[in-house]
Protein backbone atom coordinates (compact mmCIF):
# COMPACT_ATOMS: atom_id res chain seq x y z
CA UNK A 1 -6.86 -30.56 -1.39
CA UNK A 2 -6.60 -27.13 0.20
CA UNK A 3 -3.23 -25.65 1.03
CA UNK A 4 -4.92 -23.67 3.81
CA UNK A 5 -6.61 -26.56 5.63
CA UNK A 6 -4.43 -26.40 8.76
CA UNK A 7 -3.50 -22.74 8.50
CA UNK A 8 -3.83 -20.81 11.81
CA UNK A 9 -6.44 -18.55 10.23
CA UNK A 10 -8.68 -21.56 9.75
CA UNK A 11 -8.06 -23.13 13.15
CA UNK A 12 -8.05 -20.13 15.50
CA UNK A 13 -11.16 -18.77 17.16
CA UNK A 14 -10.75 -15.24 15.78
CA UNK A 15 -8.76 -13.96 12.88
CA UNK A 16 -8.54 -10.96 10.68
CA UNK A 17 -7.03 -10.72 7.25
CA UNK A 18 -6.11 -7.42 5.72
CA UNK A 19 -4.71 -6.63 2.36
CA UNK A 20 -3.41 -3.36 1.02
CA UNK A 21 -3.41 -2.88 -2.72
CA UNK A 22 -5.86 -5.74 -2.99
CA UNK A 23 -6.20 -5.20 -6.70
CA UNK A 24 -2.70 -6.67 -7.10
CA UNK A 25 -3.51 -9.91 -5.32
CA UNK A 26 -7.09 -10.26 -6.48
CA UNK A 27 -6.92 -8.69 -9.91
CA UNK A 28 -8.51 -11.55 -11.72
CA UNK A 29 -10.67 -9.38 -13.92
CA UNK A 30 -8.51 -9.67 -16.99
CA UNK A 31 -9.43 -10.22 -20.58
CA UNK A 32 -6.50 -12.58 -21.16
CA UNK A 33 -6.44 -16.03 -19.55
CA UNK A 34 -4.62 -16.24 -16.23
CA UNK A 35 -1.30 -18.05 -15.96
CA UNK A 36 -1.69 -21.40 -14.21
CA UNK A 37 -0.10 -20.21 -10.94
CA UNK A 38 -2.47 -17.24 -10.71
CA UNK A 39 -5.46 -19.43 -11.51
CA UNK A 40 -4.45 -21.82 -8.70
CA UNK A 41 -4.04 -18.88 -6.31
CA UNK A 42 -7.42 -17.48 -7.30
CA UNK A 43 -9.11 -20.85 -6.81
CA UNK A 44 -7.51 -21.36 -3.38
CA UNK A 45 -8.31 -17.83 -2.29
CA UNK A 46 -11.95 -18.09 -3.31
CA UNK A 47 -12.34 -21.53 -1.70
CA UNK A 48 -10.84 -20.25 1.54
CA UNK A 49 -13.07 -17.21 1.51
CA UNK A 50 -16.15 -19.34 0.85
CA UNK A 51 -15.19 -21.46 3.82
CA UNK A 52 -15.08 -18.36 6.02
CA UNK A 53 -18.60 -17.42 5.03
CA UNK A 54 -20.14 -20.88 5.35
CA UNK A 55 -18.46 -22.10 8.55
CA UNK A 56 -20.63 -20.97 11.49
CA UNK A 57 -17.62 -21.19 13.84
CA UNK A 58 -15.29 -19.14 11.66
CA UNK A 59 -14.86 -15.66 13.06
CA UNK A 60 -12.82 -14.00 10.39
CA UNK A 61 -12.87 -10.41 9.27
CA UNK A 62 -11.46 -9.63 5.85
CA UNK A 63 -10.38 -6.06 5.21
CA UNK A 64 -9.21 -5.11 1.74
CA UNK A 65 -7.84 -1.80 0.52
CA UNK A 66 -7.26 -0.64 -3.02
CA UNK A 67 -6.92 2.52 -5.03
CA UNK A 68 -8.49 0.74 -8.00
CA UNK A 69 -11.76 -0.95 -7.04
CA UNK A 70 -12.75 -1.17 -10.70
CA UNK A 71 -9.98 -3.75 -11.20
CA UNK A 72 -11.38 -6.15 -8.61
CA UNK A 73 -13.23 -9.18 -9.84
CA UNK A 74 -16.99 -9.13 -9.32
CA UNK A 75 -16.78 -12.35 -7.28
CA UNK A 76 -14.39 -10.61 -4.90
CA UNK A 77 -16.66 -7.59 -4.62
CA UNK A 78 -19.66 -9.82 -3.81
CA UNK A 79 -17.74 -11.32 -0.90
CA UNK A 80 -17.06 -7.88 0.59
CA UNK A 81 -20.36 -6.98 2.25
CA UNK A 82 -19.49 -3.32 2.77
CA UNK A 83 -17.39 -0.81 0.91
CA UNK A 84 -16.10 2.48 2.24
CA UNK A 85 -14.55 5.21 0.19
CA UNK A 86 -11.91 7.18 1.98
CA UNK A 87 -11.40 10.48 0.23
CA UNK A 88 -8.28 12.49 -0.28
CA UNK A 89 -6.86 14.13 2.85
CA UNK A 90 -7.69 17.77 3.47
CA UNK A 91 -4.96 20.36 4.06
CA UNK A 92 -5.03 19.92 7.84
CA UNK A 93 -4.84 16.13 7.48
CA UNK A 94 -1.96 16.42 5.01
CA UNK A 95 -0.11 18.58 7.54
CA UNK A 96 -0.60 15.86 10.16
CA UNK A 97 0.59 13.20 7.72
CA UNK A 98 3.72 15.27 7.11
CA UNK A 99 4.31 15.64 10.85
CA UNK A 100 3.95 11.90 11.43
CA UNK A 101 6.12 11.04 8.43
CA UNK A 102 8.88 13.43 9.44
CA UNK A 103 8.76 12.65 13.15
CA UNK A 104 12.23 11.68 14.30
CA UNK A 105 13.86 13.13 11.17
CA UNK A 106 16.17 16.12 11.21
CA UNK A 107 14.13 19.00 9.84
CA UNK A 108 14.36 22.76 10.21
CA UNK A 109 12.89 23.85 13.57
CA UNK A 110 10.67 26.44 11.90
CA UNK A 111 9.26 24.11 9.23
CA UNK A 112 5.84 25.28 8.05
CA UNK A 113 3.83 22.08 7.77
CA UNK A 114 0.73 24.02 6.78
CA UNK A 115 2.52 25.57 3.80
CA UNK A 116 3.88 22.19 2.73
CA UNK A 117 0.40 20.70 3.07
CA UNK A 118 -0.97 23.37 0.73
CA UNK A 119 1.71 22.46 -1.81
CA UNK A 120 0.64 18.80 -1.56
CA UNK A 121 -2.93 19.41 -2.71
CA UNK A 122 -4.27 16.19 -4.25
CA UNK A 123 -1.65 13.96 -2.60
CA UNK A 124 -2.59 10.82 -0.70
CA UNK A 125 -0.77 9.84 2.47
CA UNK A 126 1.25 7.35 0.45
CA UNK A 127 2.29 10.02 -2.05
CA UNK A 128 3.30 12.37 0.77
CA UNK A 129 5.42 9.61 2.30
CA UNK A 130 7.14 8.98 -1.06
CA UNK A 131 7.67 12.72 -1.53
CA UNK A 132 9.43 12.90 1.85
CA UNK A 133 11.66 9.96 0.90
CA UNK A 134 12.63 11.64 -2.37
CA UNK A 135 13.27 14.94 -0.62
CA UNK A 136 15.68 13.20 1.75
CA UNK A 137 17.96 12.46 -1.22
CA UNK A 138 18.39 16.09 -2.25
CA UNK A 139 21.24 16.81 0.20
CA UNK A 140 23.05 13.75 -1.16
CA UNK A 141 22.63 15.07 -4.71
CA UNK A 142 24.00 18.45 -3.64
CA UNK A 143 27.05 16.79 -2.08
CA UNK A 144 27.64 14.75 -5.23
CA UNK A 145 27.34 17.85 -7.41
CA UNK A 146 29.88 19.63 -5.22
CA UNK A 147 32.20 16.62 -5.48
CA UNK A 148 31.98 16.70 -9.28
CA UNK A 149 33.16 20.31 -9.30
CA UNK A 150 36.37 19.30 -7.56
CA UNK A 151 36.76 15.91 -9.20
CA UNK A 152 35.36 16.00 -12.74
CA UNK A 153 36.35 12.39 -13.49
CA UNK A 154 35.26 9.26 -11.66
CA UNK A 155 37.78 7.84 -9.22
CA UNK A 156 38.40 4.88 -11.54
CA UNK A 157 40.06 7.26 -14.07
CA UNK A 158 42.45 8.77 -11.55
């Protein structure tokens, strides 16, 4: 019995499924046996996917993204008819990623996105986003350091 039998994906006229970090949900290429829950998930997933490809009325597009295609099971790879490699962003693209990421944030008016993009050589968009999140905490750290100068002991000791 399929858990997906009456799922909207199976009953609608058009559907698309997308998965980021697909190696986490479809990483069945392991040397050790899968736990029962993962084996059930794999079986359901593969049965559903097979149904997409054999049902002439199913109009489903599956889009998967991963940074680790080598971890995907061969059966998964066979079901993906095309693969596209998206390379690392160039300097100009990294500058645009920075602009989009920092849009709406309070930044210096004369920020040099091009210089920052050069410093981010080898970074993906995801890494740049994480870098911006980490950088946002620096003012908080500075405030806490300043507080420690004036109050060397935690409030609970006072």
